[in-house]
């Protein structure tokens, strides 16, 4: 019985879901080794403050604070950036190869 062809948004959704799953697993695994407990608490507090400020401040003030305070705070942390860059690379590759494998199985590639 032939399988129905997926539309482009369905294929893209499958790519995103696969990538998100791999990103979460790889980022979590790397952060267990590369980010200290103290840095993790600081990061969590900064994310919580950013989220809270987004609901209590006008958008222009929040964006200015985000650009001048929060973003530089996160960009100074090399271990956090390293986890993000490695996890995003693995996520993209996993989504790409998973889609390629499925498309070859469906004989559409």
N, C-alpha and C. Protein backbone atom coordinates (compact mmCIF):
# COMPACT_ATOMS: atom_id res chain seq x y z
N UNK A 1 0.84 -1.17 0.00
CA UNK A 1 0.00 0.00 0.00
C UNK A 1 0.89 1.24 0.00
N UNK A 2 0.75 2.13 -0.98
CA UNK A 2 1.61 3.31 -1.05
C UNK A 2 1.32 4.29 0.08
N UNK A 3 2.39 4.88 0.57
CA UNK A 3 2.24 5.86 1.64
C UNK A 3 1.91 7.23 1.04
N UNK A 4 1.06 8.01 1.70
CA UNK A 4 0.75 9.34 1.17
C UNK A 4 1.97 10.25 1.24
N UNK A 5 2.10 11.09 0.25
CA UNK A 5 3.20 12.04 0.20
C UNK A 5 2.96 13.17 1.20
N UNK A 6 4.00 13.55 1.90
CA UNK A 6 3.89 14.64 2.85
C UNK A 6 4.03 15.97 2.13
N UNK A 7 3.29 16.95 2.60
CA UNK A 7 3.42 18.28 2.02
C UNK A 7 4.69 18.94 2.57
N UNK A 8 5.08 20.04 1.96
CA UNK A 8 6.29 20.74 2.38
C UNK A 8 6.21 21.21 3.84
N UNK A 9 5.08 21.77 4.30
CA UNK A 9 5.02 22.15 5.72
C UNK A 9 5.12 20.93 6.65
N UNK A 10 4.59 19.79 6.25
CA UNK A 10 4.71 18.59 7.07
C UNK A 10 6.16 18.11 7.14
N UNK A 11 6.86 18.17 6.01
CA UNK A 11 8.27 17.79 6.00
C UNK A 11 9.09 18.75 6.86
N UNK A 12 8.80 20.03 6.76
CA UNK A 12 9.52 21.02 7.56
C UNK A 12 9.22 20.82 9.05
N UNK A 13 7.98 20.50 9.38
CA UNK A 13 7.61 20.22 10.76
C UNK A 13 8.35 19.01 11.30
N UNK A 14 8.47 17.98 10.48
CA UNK A 14 9.22 16.79 10.89
C UNK A 14 10.69 17.14 11.13
N UNK A 15 11.25 17.98 10.26
CA UNK A 15 12.63 18.45 10.42
C UNK A 15 12.78 19.20 11.73
N UNK A 16 11.84 20.10 12.03
CA UNK A 16 11.91 20.90 13.26
C UNK A 16 11.76 20.05 14.52
N UNK A 17 10.84 19.10 14.49
CA UNK A 17 10.63 18.25 15.66
C UNK A 17 11.86 17.39 15.93
N UNK A 18 12.40 16.80 14.89
CA UNK A 18 13.61 16.00 15.05
C UNK A 18 14.76 16.85 15.57
N UNK A 19 14.95 18.02 14.97
CA UNK A 19 16.02 18.92 15.40
C UNK A 19 15.84 19.40 16.82
N UNK A 20 14.61 19.73 17.21
CA UNK A 20 14.36 20.20 18.57
C UNK A 20 14.65 19.12 19.60
N UNK A 21 14.26 17.89 19.28
CA UNK A 21 14.52 16.77 20.18
C UNK A 21 16.02 16.56 20.37
N UNK A 22 16.76 16.55 19.28
CA UNK A 22 18.21 16.36 19.36
C UNK A 22 18.86 17.54 20.06
N UNK A 23 18.40 18.77 19.77
CA UNK A 23 18.97 19.96 20.42
C UNK A 23 18.82 19.87 21.93
N UNK A 24 17.64 19.53 22.40
CA UNK A 24 17.39 19.46 23.84
C UNK A 24 18.30 18.41 24.49
N UNK A 25 18.38 17.24 23.87
CA UNK A 25 19.21 16.18 24.46
C UNK A 25 20.69 16.54 24.47
N UNK A 26 21.21 17.05 23.37
CA UNK A 26 22.63 17.38 23.30
C UNK A 26 22.95 18.57 24.20
N UNK A 27 22.10 19.61 24.19
CA UNK A 27 22.35 20.77 25.04
C UNK A 27 22.33 20.38 26.51
N UNK A 28 21.36 19.58 26.90
CA UNK A 28 21.27 19.14 28.29
C UNK A 28 22.50 18.32 28.67
N UNK A 29 22.90 17.40 27.81
CA UNK A 29 24.06 16.57 28.10
C UNK A 29 25.35 17.37 28.21
N UNK A 30 25.56 18.29 27.28
CA UNK A 30 26.77 19.11 27.33
C UNK A 30 26.76 20.06 28.53
N UNK A 31 25.60 20.60 28.84
CA UNK A 31 25.54 21.55 29.96
C UNK A 31 25.82 20.87 31.29
N UNK A 32 25.56 19.58 31.38
CA UNK A 32 25.87 18.86 32.62
C UNK A 32 27.37 18.82 32.88
N UNK A 33 28.16 18.83 31.80
CA UNK A 33 29.61 18.75 31.94
C UNK A 33 30.30 20.12 31.86
N UNK A 34 29.78 21.02 31.05
CA UNK A 34 30.50 22.27 30.77
C UNK A 34 30.08 23.46 31.61
N UNK A 35 28.87 23.46 32.14
CA UNK A 35 28.38 24.62 32.89
C UNK A 35 28.33 24.28 34.38
N UNK A 36 28.97 25.12 35.18
CA UNK A 36 29.00 24.88 36.63
C UNK A 36 27.61 25.15 37.22
N UNK A 37 27.41 24.65 38.41
CA UNK A 37 26.12 24.84 39.09
C UNK A 37 25.85 26.31 39.37
N UNK A 38 26.87 27.03 39.76
CA UNK A 38 26.72 28.46 40.03
C UNK A 38 26.31 29.22 38.77
N UNK A 39 26.98 28.93 37.65
CA UNK A 39 26.63 29.58 36.39
C UNK A 39 25.22 29.21 35.95
N UNK A 40 24.83 27.97 36.18
CA UNK A 40 23.48 27.56 35.80
C UNK A 40 22.43 28.33 36.60
N UNK A 41 22.67 28.55 37.88
CA UNK A 41 21.74 29.34 38.70
C UNK A 41 21.69 30.79 38.23
N UNK A 42 22.84 31.36 37.88
CA UNK A 42 22.86 32.73 37.36
C UNK A 42 22.10 32.83 36.04
N UNK A 43 22.30 31.85 35.16
CA UNK A 43 21.59 31.85 33.87
C UNK A 43 20.09 31.75 34.08
N UNK A 44 19.68 30.86 34.97
CA UNK A 44 18.25 30.69 35.22
C UNK A 44 17.64 31.97 35.80
N UNK A 45 18.37 32.62 36.69
CA UNK A 45 17.87 33.88 37.27
C UNK A 45 17.77 34.96 36.20
N UNK A 46 18.75 35.02 35.30
CA UNK A 46 18.71 36.02 34.22
C UNK A 46 17.56 35.75 33.26
N UNK A 47 17.31 34.50 32.94
CA UNK A 47 16.18 34.17 32.05
C UNK A 47 14.87 34.51 32.74
N UNK A 48 14.76 34.22 34.02
CA UNK A 48 13.54 34.54 34.77
C UNK A 48 13.31 36.05 34.83
N UNK A 49 14.37 36.82 35.04
CA UNK A 49 14.24 38.28 35.06
C UNK A 49 13.87 38.83 33.69
N UNK A 50 14.44 38.26 32.65
CA UNK A 50 14.11 38.69 31.29
C UNK A 50 12.64 38.43 30.98
N UNK A 51 12.16 37.26 31.35
CA UNK A 51 10.75 36.92 31.09
C UNK A 51 9.82 37.80 31.91
N UNK A 52 10.18 38.02 33.17
CA UNK A 52 9.33 38.85 34.02
C UNK A 52 9.31 40.29 33.53
N UNK A 53 10.45 40.79 33.09
CA UNK A 53 10.53 42.17 32.59
C UNK A 53 9.75 42.34 31.29
N UNK A 54 9.65 41.29 30.50
CA UNK A 54 8.91 41.40 29.23
C UNK A 54 7.42 41.62 29.46
N UNK A 55 6.91 41.21 30.60
CA UNK A 55 5.48 41.41 30.87
C UNK A 55 5.20 42.69 31.65
N UNK A 56 6.23 43.25 32.30
CA UNK A 56 6.02 44.42 33.16
C UNK A 56 6.54 45.73 32.57
N UNK A 57 7.28 45.67 31.48
CA UNK A 57 7.84 46.87 30.88
C UNK A 57 7.31 47.06 29.47
N UNK A 58 7.28 48.28 28.98
CA UNK A 58 6.97 48.50 27.57
C UNK A 58 8.03 47.83 26.70
N UNK A 59 7.63 47.42 25.50
CA UNK A 59 8.53 46.65 24.64
C UNK A 59 9.81 47.40 24.32
N UNK A 60 9.72 48.70 24.06
CA UNK A 60 10.93 49.46 23.70
C UNK A 60 11.93 49.50 24.85
N UNK A 61 11.45 49.65 26.07
CA UNK A 61 12.34 49.65 27.25
C UNK A 61 12.92 48.26 27.45
N UNK A 62 12.08 47.24 27.32
CA UNK A 62 12.55 45.87 27.49
C UNK A 62 13.62 45.53 26.45
N UNK A 63 13.39 45.92 25.19
CA UNK A 63 14.36 45.62 24.13
C UNK A 63 15.68 46.34 24.39
N UNK A 64 15.62 47.57 24.84
CA UNK A 64 16.85 48.31 25.15
C UNK A 64 17.60 47.63 26.29
N UNK A 65 16.89 47.21 27.33
CA UNK A 65 17.53 46.50 28.44
C UNK A 65 18.09 45.16 27.97
N UNK A 66 17.37 44.49 27.11
CA UNK A 66 17.83 43.20 26.60
C UNK A 66 19.14 43.37 25.82
N UNK A 67 19.20 44.40 24.99
CA UNK A 67 20.40 44.63 24.17
C UNK A 67 21.59 45.11 25.00
N UNK A 68 21.34 45.86 26.05
CA UNK A 68 22.45 46.44 26.80
C UNK A 68 22.86 45.60 28.01
N UNK A 69 21.98 44.80 28.55
CA UNK A 69 22.32 44.07 29.77
C UNK A 69 22.25 42.55 29.61
N UNK A 70 21.11 42.04 29.16
CA UNK A 70 20.91 40.59 29.16
C UNK A 70 21.74 39.88 28.07
N UNK A 71 21.71 40.39 26.86
CA UNK A 71 22.43 39.74 25.76
C UNK A 71 23.93 39.71 26.01
N UNK A 72 24.58 40.82 26.40
CA UNK A 72 26.01 40.73 26.71
C UNK A 72 26.32 39.75 27.85
N UNK A 73 25.40 39.66 28.83
CA UNK A 73 25.60 38.71 29.93
C UNK A 73 25.71 37.29 29.40
N UNK A 74 24.81 36.92 28.49
CA UNK A 74 24.83 35.56 27.95
C UNK A 74 25.99 35.34 26.97
N UNK A 75 26.34 36.37 26.20
CA UNK A 75 27.41 36.22 25.23
C UNK A 75 28.79 36.13 25.87
N UNK A 76 28.94 36.59 27.10
CA UNK A 76 30.22 36.48 27.80
C UNK A 76 30.49 35.07 28.33
N UNK A 77 29.49 34.22 28.35
CA UNK A 77 29.65 32.88 28.90
C UNK A 77 30.00 31.89 27.80
N UNK A 78 31.25 31.59 27.70
CA UNK A 78 31.73 30.73 26.62
C UNK A 78 31.19 29.31 26.71
N UNK A 79 31.04 28.78 27.90
CA UNK A 79 30.54 27.41 28.02
C UNK A 79 29.09 27.31 27.55
N UNK A 80 28.29 28.32 27.86
CA UNK A 80 26.90 28.32 27.41
C UNK A 80 26.82 28.45 25.89
N UNK A 81 27.63 29.33 25.32
CA UNK A 81 27.66 29.48 23.86
C UNK A 81 28.18 28.22 23.19
N UNK A 82 29.17 27.58 23.80
CA UNK A 82 29.69 26.34 23.24
C UNK A 82 28.63 25.25 23.21
N UNK A 83 27.88 25.12 24.30
CA UNK A 83 26.79 24.14 24.35
C UNK A 83 25.76 24.44 23.27
N UNK A 84 25.41 25.71 23.12
CA UNK A 84 24.41 26.10 22.14
C UNK A 84 24.88 25.82 20.72
N UNK A 85 26.12 26.19 20.40
CA UNK A 85 26.62 26.01 19.04
C UNK A 85 26.75 24.53 18.67
N UNK A 86 27.26 23.73 19.59
CA UNK A 86 27.40 22.30 19.31
C UNK A 86 26.03 21.64 19.19
N UNK A 87 25.10 21.98 20.10
CA UNK A 87 23.78 21.37 20.06
C UNK A 87 23.01 21.79 18.81
N UNK A 88 23.12 23.04 18.40
CA UNK A 88 22.40 23.47 17.20
C UNK A 88 22.97 22.81 15.95
N UNK A 89 24.28 22.59 15.90
CA UNK A 89 24.88 21.90 14.77
C UNK A 89 24.39 20.46 14.69
N UNK A 90 24.42 19.76 15.83
CA UNK A 90 23.93 18.38 15.85
C UNK A 90 22.45 18.30 15.52
N UNK A 91 21.67 19.27 15.98
CA UNK A 91 20.23 19.27 15.71
C UNK A 91 19.95 19.44 14.22
N UNK A 92 20.66 20.36 13.58
CA UNK A 92 20.45 20.57 12.15
C UNK A 92 20.86 19.33 11.37
N UNK A 93 22.00 18.76 11.69
CA UNK A 93 22.47 17.57 10.98
C UNK A 93 21.52 16.38 11.20
N UNK A 94 21.05 16.21 12.42
CA UNK A 94 20.12 15.10 12.69
C UNK A 94 18.82 15.28 11.92
N UNK A 95 18.27 16.48 11.91
CA UNK A 95 17.04 16.74 11.15
C UNK A 95 17.25 16.52 9.67
N UNK A 96 18.37 16.97 9.14
CA UNK A 96 18.67 16.83 7.72
C UNK A 96 18.82 15.36 7.34
N UNK A 97 19.63 14.61 8.09
CA UNK A 97 19.84 13.21 7.75
C UNK A 97 18.60 12.36 7.98
N UNK A 98 17.80 12.70 8.98
CA UNK A 98 16.55 11.97 9.22
C UNK A 98 15.59 12.18 8.05
N UNK A 99 15.44 13.42 7.61
CA UNK A 99 14.57 13.69 6.47
C UNK A 99 15.08 13.02 5.19
N UNK A 100 16.39 13.06 4.99
CA UNK A 100 16.97 12.43 3.80
C UNK A 100 16.71 10.93 3.81
N UNK A 101 16.86 10.31 4.97
CA UNK A 101 16.61 8.88 5.09
C UNK A 101 15.16 8.54 4.78
N UNK A 102 14.23 9.32 5.33
CA UNK A 102 12.81 9.05 5.10
C UNK A 102 12.44 9.32 3.65
N UNK A 103 12.96 10.40 3.06
CA UNK A 103 12.64 10.69 1.67
C UNK A 103 13.19 9.62 0.74
N UNK A 104 14.35 9.07 1.05
CA UNK A 104 14.89 7.98 0.22
C UNK A 104 14.05 6.73 0.36
N UNK A 105 13.55 6.49 1.57
CA UNK A 105 12.69 5.33 1.80
C UNK A 105 11.39 5.46 1.03
N UNK A 106 10.90 6.72 0.90
CA UNK A 106 9.66 6.97 0.17
C UNK A 106 9.90 7.13 -1.34
N UNK A 107 11.17 7.01 -1.76
CA UNK A 107 11.56 7.15 -3.17
C UNK A 107 11.18 8.50 -3.75
N UNK A 108 11.30 9.55 -2.96
CA UNK A 108 11.05 10.89 -3.48
C UNK A 108 12.32 11.70 -3.60
N UNK A 109 13.44 11.13 -3.19
CA UNK A 109 14.71 11.83 -3.28
C UNK A 109 15.67 11.05 -4.17
